Structures are given as C-alpha cells and as structure tokens.
C-alpha atoms as a PDB file:
ATOM      1  CA  MET A   1      29.617 -16.031  60.195  1.00  0.00           C
ATOM      2  CA  PHE A   2      26.992 -15.645  57.496  1.00  0.00           C
ATOM      3  CA  LYS A   3      25.154 -12.450  57.442  1.00  0.00           C
ATOM      4  CA  HIS A   4      21.519 -12.662  56.807  1.00  0.00           C
ATOM      5  CA  LEU A   5      20.968 -10.849  53.509  1.00  0.00           C
ATOM      6  CA  ASP A   6      17.743  -9.384  52.257  1.00  0.00           C
ATOM      7  CA  ILE A   7      17.325 -10.978  48.826  1.00  0.00           C
ATOM      8  CA  LYS A   8      14.687  -8.503  47.676  1.00  0.00           C
ATOM      9  CA  LYS A   9      17.122  -5.666  48.184  1.00  0.00           C
ATOM     10  CA  PHE A  10      19.515  -7.077  45.581  1.00  0.00           C
ATOM     11  CA  ALA A  11      16.963  -8.649  43.221  1.00  0.00           C
ATOM     12  CA  LYS A  12      16.900  -6.578  40.078  1.00  0.00           C
ATOM     13  CA  GLY A  13      15.241  -7.890  36.939  1.00  0.00           C
ATOM     14  CA  PHE A  14      11.969  -9.252  35.710  1.00  0.00           C
ATOM     15  CA  THR A  15       9.800 -11.763  37.388  1.00  0.00           C
ATOM     16  CA  LEU A  16       8.244 -14.589  35.462  1.00  0.00           C
ATOM     17  CA  VAL A  17       4.840 -12.893  35.486  1.00  0.00           C
ATOM     18  CA  GLU A  18       6.278  -9.650  34.118  1.00  0.00           C
ATOM     19  CA  THR A  19       8.042 -11.570  31.345  1.00  0.00           C
ATOM     20  CA  LEU A  20       4.849 -13.400  30.364  1.00  0.00           C
ATOM     21  CA  VAL A  21       2.858 -10.155  30.295  1.00  0.00           C
ATOM     22  CA  ALA A  22       5.512  -8.561  28.059  1.00  0.00           C
ATOM     23  CA  LEU A  23       5.403 -11.547  25.678  1.00  0.00           C
ATOM     24  CA  VAL A  24       1.599 -11.421  25.452  1.00  0.00           C
ATOM     25  CA  ILE A  25       1.648  -7.689  24.697  1.00  0.00           C
ATOM     26  CA  LEU A  26       4.401  -8.180  22.118  1.00  0.00           C
ATOM     27  CA  SER A  27       2.533 -11.055  20.437  1.00  0.00           C
ATOM     28  CA  PHE A  28      -0.647  -8.965  20.200  1.00  0.00           C
ATOM     29  CA  GLY A  29       1.404  -6.470  18.217  1.00  0.00           C
ATOM     30  CA  LEU A  30       3.273  -8.981  16.048  1.00  0.00           C
ATOM     31  CA  ILE A  31       0.450 -11.310  15.022  1.00  0.00           C
ATOM     32  CA  PRO A  32      -1.623  -8.646  13.213  1.00  0.00           C
ATOM     33  CA  THR A  33       1.518  -7.229  11.613  1.00  0.00           C
ATOM     34  CA  LEU A  34       2.577 -10.635  10.289  1.00  0.00           C
ATOM     35  CA  SER A  35      -0.980 -11.303   9.130  1.00  0.00           C
ATOM     36  CA  VAL A  36      -1.031  -8.045   7.148  1.00  0.00           C
ATOM     37  CA  ILE A  37       2.366  -8.845   5.608  1.00  0.00           C
ATOM     38  CA  THR A  38       1.227 -12.352   4.582  1.00  0.00           C
ATOM     39  CA  SER A  39      -2.025 -11.033   3.103  1.00  0.00           C
ATOM     40  CA  SER A  40      -0.129  -8.344   1.193  1.00  0.00           C
ATOM     41  CA  ILE A  41       2.219 -10.922  -0.316  1.00  0.00           C
ATOM     42  CA  ASN A  42      -0.708 -13.147  -1.374  1.00  0.00           C
ATOM     43  CA  ILE A  43      -2.630 -10.234  -2.875  1.00  0.00           C
ATOM     44  CA  SER A  44       0.444  -9.085  -4.798  1.00  0.00           C
ATOM     45  CA  LYS A  45       0.792 -12.599  -6.283  1.00  0.00           C
ATOM     46  CA  ILE A  46      -2.852 -12.565  -7.375  1.00  0.00           C
ATOM     47  CA  ILE A  47      -2.466  -9.123  -8.938  1.00  0.00           C
ATOM     48  CA  ARG A  48       0.735 -10.170 -10.717  1.00  0.00           C
ATOM     49  CA  ASN A  49      -0.930 -13.288 -12.159  1.00  0.00           C
ATOM     50  CA  ASN A  50      -3.994 -11.271 -13.237  1.00  0.00           C
ATOM     51  CA  LEU A  51      -1.735  -8.823 -15.053  1.00  0.00           C
ATOM     52  CA  ILE A  52       0.272 -11.570 -16.772  1.00  0.00           C
ATOM     53  CA  SER A  53      -2.867 -13.440 -17.842  1.00  0.00           C
ATOM     54  CA  ALA A  54      -4.537 -10.277 -19.163  1.00  0.00           C
ATOM     55  CA  ASN A  55      -1.468  -9.553 -21.266  1.00  0.00           C
ATOM     56  CA  LEU A  56      -1.326 -13.156 -22.503  1.00  0.00           C
ATOM     57  CA  ALA A  57      -4.991 -12.962 -23.512  1.00  0.00           C
ATOM     58  CA  GLN A  58      -4.411  -9.693 -25.363  1.00  0.00           C
ATOM     59  CA  GLU A  59      -1.319 -11.143 -27.033  1.00  0.00           C
ATOM     60  CA  GLY A  60      -3.427 -14.012 -28.396  1.00  0.00           C
ATOM     61  CA  ILE A  61      -5.847 -11.566 -29.986  1.00  0.00           C
ATOM     62  CA  GLU A  62      -2.991  -9.538 -31.475  1.00  0.00           C
ATOM     63  CA  VAL A  63      -1.517 -12.684 -33.050  1.00  0.00           C
ATOM     64  CA  VAL A  64      -4.845 -13.482 -34.750  1.00  0.00           C
ATOM     65  CA  ARG A  65      -5.115  -9.866 -35.906  1.00  0.00           C
ATOM     66  CA  SER A  66      -1.632 -10.196 -37.400  1.00  0.00           C
ATOM     67  CA  LEU A  67      -2.645 -13.409 -39.191  1.00  0.00           C
ATOM     68  CA  ARG A  68      -5.737 -11.694 -40.586  1.00  0.00           C
ATOM     69  CA  ASP A  69      -3.557  -8.839 -41.888  1.00  0.00           C
ATOM     70  CA  ALA A  70      -1.142 -11.368 -43.399  1.00  0.00           C
ATOM     71  CA  ASN A  71      -4.084 -12.910 -45.261  1.00  0.00           C
ATOM     72  CA  TRP A  72      -4.807  -9.529 -46.827  1.00  0.00           C
ATOM     73  CA  PHE A  73      -1.171  -8.983 -47.781  1.00  0.00           C
ATOM     74  CA  ASN A  74      -1.114 -12.423 -49.397  1.00  0.00           C
ATOM     75  CA  GLY A  75      -4.274 -11.656 -51.371  1.00  0.00           C
ATOM     76  CA  SER A  76      -6.383 -14.166 -49.429  1.00  0.00           C
ATOM     77  CA  ASN A  77      -9.749 -13.725 -47.795  1.00  0.00           C
ATOM     78  CA  PHE A  78      -9.461 -12.090 -44.351  1.00  0.00           C
ATOM     79  CA  ASN A  79     -10.634 -15.218 -42.492  1.00  0.00           C
ATOM     80  CA  ASN A  80      -8.688 -17.721 -44.614  1.00  0.00           C
ATOM     81  CA  GLU A  81      -7.852 -20.747 -42.407  1.00  0.00           C
ATOM     82  CA  LEU A  82      -8.472 -18.806 -39.180  1.00  0.00           C
ATOM     83  CA  ILE A  83     -11.759 -20.316 -38.024  1.00  0.00           C
ATOM     84  CA  GLY A  84     -11.213 -22.827 -35.233  1.00  0.00           C
ATOM     85  CA  ILE A  85      -9.476 -23.317 -31.910  1.00  0.00           C
ATOM     86  CA  TRP A  86      -5.837 -22.280 -31.866  1.00  0.00           C
ATOM     87  CA  ARG A  87      -2.728 -22.536 -29.782  1.00  0.00           C
ATOM     88  CA  VAL A  88      -0.619 -19.526 -30.792  1.00  0.00           C
ATOM     89  CA  GLU A  89       2.656 -18.018 -29.637  1.00  0.00           C
ATOM     90  CA  TRP A  90       3.884 -14.442 -29.862  1.00  0.00           C
ATOM     91  CA  ASP A  91       5.772 -15.090 -33.109  1.00  0.00           C
ATOM     92  CA  THR A  92       3.124 -17.208 -34.856  1.00  0.00           C
ATOM     93  CA  ASN A  93       2.787 -16.391 -38.541  1.00  0.00           C
ATOM     94  CA  TRP A  94       1.805 -18.266 -41.663  1.00  0.00           C
ATOM     95  CA  SER A  95       5.374 -19.429 -42.309  1.00  0.00           C
ATOM     96  CA  THR A  96       5.469 -21.153 -38.898  1.00  0.00           C
ATOM     97  CA  ASN A  97       2.029 -22.702 -39.525  1.00  0.00           C
ATOM     98  CA  PRO A  98      -0.046 -21.916 -36.440  1.00  0.00           C
ATOM     99  CA  PRO A  99      -1.218 -25.218 -34.997  1.00  0.00           C
ATOM    100  CA  GLN A 100      -4.898 -25.887 -34.567  1.00  0.00           C
ATOM    101  CA  ALA A 101      -5.341 -27.184 -31.075  1.00  0.00           C
ATOM    102  CA  THR A 102      -6.255 -30.832 -30.868  1.00  0.00           C
ATOM    103  CA  THR A 103      -8.086 -32.070 -27.811  1.00  0.00           C
ATOM    104  CA  ALA A 104      -4.792 -33.012 -26.151  1.00  0.00           C
ATOM    105  CA  GLU A 105      -3.279 -29.607 -26.890  1.00  0.00           C
ATOM    106  CA  THR A 106      -6.022 -27.587 -25.229  1.00  0.00           C
ATOM    107  CA  ASN A 107      -4.446 -28.288 -21.846  1.00  0.00           C
ATOM    108  CA  LEU A 108      -0.857 -27.358 -22.651  1.00  0.00           C
ATOM    109  CA  PHE A 109       0.844 -25.024 -20.207  1.00  0.00           C
ATOM    110  CA  LEU A 110       2.702 -22.025 -21.534  1.00  0.00           C
ATOM    111  CA  ARG A 111       6.433 -21.931 -20.871  1.00  0.00           C
ATOM    112  CA  LEU A 112       8.462 -18.863 -19.926  1.00  0.00           C
ATOM    113  CA  ASP A 113      11.835 -18.424 -21.596  1.00  0.00           C
ATOM    114  CA  LEU A 114      13.819 -16.783 -18.806  1.00  0.00           C
ATOM    115  CA  ALA A 115      16.480 -15.481 -21.207  1.00  0.00           C
ATOM    116  CA  THR A 116      13.999 -13.522 -23.329  1.00  0.00           C
ATOM    117  CA  GLY A 117      11.032 -13.155 -20.968  1.00  0.00           C
ATOM    118  CA  LEU A 118       8.702 -14.481 -23.676  1.00  0.00           C
ATOM    119  CA  TYR A 119       6.002 -17.124 -23.303  1.00  0.00           C
ATOM    120  CA  ASN A 120       5.857 -20.071 -25.719  1.00  0.00           C
ATOM    121  CA  TYR A 121       4.991 -23.776 -25.848  1.00  0.00           C
ATOM    122  CA  THR A 122       8.370 -25.259 -26.720  1.00  0.00           C
ATOM    123  CA  SER A 123      11.137 -24.137 -24.365  1.00  0.00           C
ATOM    124  CA  GLY A 124      11.675 -22.595 -20.981  1.00  0.00           C
ATOM    125  CA  GLN A 125      10.256 -22.992 -17.531  1.00  0.00           C
ATOM    126  CA  THR A 126       6.728 -24.423 -17.356  1.00  0.00           C
ATOM    127  CA  THR A 127       4.204 -21.951 -15.961  1.00  0.00           C
ATOM    128  CA  PHE A 128       0.681 -22.532 -14.706  1.00  0.00           C
ATOM    129  CA  PHE A 129      -0.951 -20.472 -17.488  1.00  0.00           C
ATOM    130  CA  LYS A 130      -2.963 -22.068 -20.311  1.00  0.00           C
ATOM    131  CA  ARG A 131      -4.165 -20.093 -23.336  1.00  0.00           C
ATOM    132  CA  LEU A 132      -6.721 -21.069 -25.946  1.00  0.00           C
ATOM    133  CA  ILE A 133      -7.822 -18.919 -28.879  1.00  0.00           C
ATOM    134  CA  THR A 134     -11.236 -19.492 -30.464  1.00  0.00           C
ATOM    135  CA  VAL A 135     -12.003 -17.816 -33.793  1.00  0.00           C
ATOM    136  CA  SER A 136     -15.498 -17.944 -35.267  1.00  0.00           C
ATOM    137  CA  MET A 137     -17.597 -16.030 -37.762  1.00  0.00           C
ATOM    138  CA  THR A 138     -20.650 -14.101 -36.638  1.00  0.00           C
ATOM    139  CA  ALA A 139     -24.025 -14.944 -38.097  1.00  0.00           C
ATOM    140  CA  ASN A 140     -24.537 -11.601 -39.813  1.00  0.00           C
ATOM    141  CA  ALA A 141     -25.453 -11.348 -43.488  1.00  0.00           C
ATOM    142  CA  CYS A 142     -22.269  -9.648 -44.678  1.00  0.00           C
ATOM    143  CA  ASN A 143     -19.932 -12.484 -43.607  1.00  0.00           C
ATOM    144  CA  CYS A 144     -17.452  -9.762 -42.686  1.00  0.00           C
ATOM    145  CA  GLU A 145     -16.955 -10.192 -38.937  1.00  0.00           C
ATOM    146  CA  MET A 146     -14.840 -12.650 -36.951  1.00  0.00           C
ATOM    147  CA  VAL A 147     -15.079 -13.063 -33.204  1.00  0.00           C
ATOM    148  CA  VAL A 148     -11.765 -13.807 -31.508  1.00  0.00           C
ATOM    149  CA  ILE A 149     -11.918 -15.098 -27.942  1.00  0.00           C
ATOM    150  CA  SER A 150      -8.664 -15.500 -26.060  1.00  0.00           C
ATOM    151  CA  GLU A 151      -9.034 -17.416 -22.804  1.00  0.00           C
ATOM    152  CA  VAL A 152      -6.238 -17.738 -20.252  1.00  0.00           C
ATOM    153  CA  THR A 153      -6.689 -20.010 -17.226  1.00  0.00           C
ATOM    154  CA  TRP A 154      -4.472 -20.659 -14.243  1.00  0.00           C
ATOM    155  CA  THR A 155      -4.708 -21.870 -10.643  1.00  0.00           C
ATOM    156  CA  ASP A 156      -4.105 -19.506  -7.739  1.00  0.00           C
ATOM    157  CA  PHE A 157      -4.346 -20.742  -4.158  1.00  0.00           C
ATOM    158  CA  ARG A 158      -6.351 -23.837  -5.180  1.00  0.00           C
ATOM    159  CA  ARG A 159      -8.830 -21.748  -7.231  1.00  0.00           C
ATOM    160  CA  THR A 160      -9.052 -21.898 -11.002  1.00  0.00           C
ATOM    161  CA  ARG A 161      -9.101 -18.402 -12.432  1.00  0.00           C
ATOM    162  CA  THR A 162      -9.919 -17.341 -15.981  1.00  0.00           C
ATOM    163  CA  ILE A 163      -9.490 -14.161 -17.966  1.00  0.00           C
ATOM    164  CA  VAL A 164     -11.290 -13.870 -21.284  1.00  0.00           C
ATOM    165  CA  ALA A 165     -10.557 -11.201 -23.878  1.00  0.00           C
ATOM    166  CA  GLU A 166     -12.824 -10.822 -26.881  1.00  0.00           C
ATOM    167  CA  SER A 167     -12.280  -8.868 -30.059  1.00  0.00           C
ATOM    168  CA  HIS A 168     -14.278  -8.496 -33.253  1.00  0.00           C
ATOM    169  CA  LEU A 169     -12.199  -8.347 -36.415  1.00  0.00           C
ATOM    170  CA  PHE A 170     -13.776  -7.040 -39.581  1.00  0.00           C
ATOM    171  CA  ASN A 171     -13.158  -7.388 -43.275  1.00  0.00           C
ATOM    172  CA  TRP A 172     -12.910  -3.636 -43.696  1.00  0.00           C
ATOM    173  CA  ARG A 173     -10.698  -3.880 -46.726  1.00  0.00           C
END
C-alpha cells in the first residue's frame, strides 16, 4: 500500500551544516563593516566637538578684542577692567557688564539656544562645553601687551579634552 520513497530524491534545501557555514561567512563580512561604521560615527562626533570647541575658544578671544576696542572708543586705557578671569558670551559688551568668573562660575556649562544656534550661559539646552577666558598683562617694559587665553573643555567618551586659543592684544593706538 505504501510505496517506499527515496527521501533524498525529494529533499531540496539547505542542511543545518550548510546554514551554519553561510551564517559564519556572513558574520565575517558584517562584523568588520559594523565596526567601521561605529568607528566612523565616533570619530565624526570627536571632530564635530573639536570644531565647536575651537570656534568657542576663538569667539572668547574676539569678545575680549571687542571689549578692548570699546575701551578705546570710550577714551579709556586699552586694558581698562579687562585683567582677570572672565566668563563671556557672544554679545558681551560694557553695557551688559561682563562678569568676572568667581570660583563657582569657572565650572559653568555653556548652553545652546536651539532657536538661534548661539551659545550662552542663561538659556537653552545645557551642553558639555565649558569656557574660561584669562586676560593678563605681559611683563614687558612698555605695558602695551595683553595675553588673552581662551580655554574650552569638554568630555568625550570619558576623556576630558581641552582646546586653548591664545592671542596677544596690543595698545597700538
């Protein structure tokens, strides 16, 4: 009544061993690809943060340069009330009274205003960037040179990173 059938004749498909070999070969191709993608994403984050911090450091120097120029326009000495440690924003001027950083304020995080794309200390989303501006006079005889050091620190992948920009401003007027 039952015919004896040859199972191998009708068996079409993959065996378990063939399937496992295919998975191993596929994983050897996918793992390096995913590793390269992950590394690329991490490197792009580091580069982005380096670029932002370099621009924030340069912005700090430009603010001090603007304050020095404002001193000249007001008839004051070029370094009038600039020597010290400062916490400045992009729109800092003498009418907004730039705050000298107290010990507690040296660790304030910059905030990013998402509507304007500008960094400040008062409103917006808290970032992981900190900026501190140090202004000092050089020890030369002419008393005509200020050193401005803008230091931006942040943490990337559990490492503290720092970018320092330095500029020398002169009383060339």
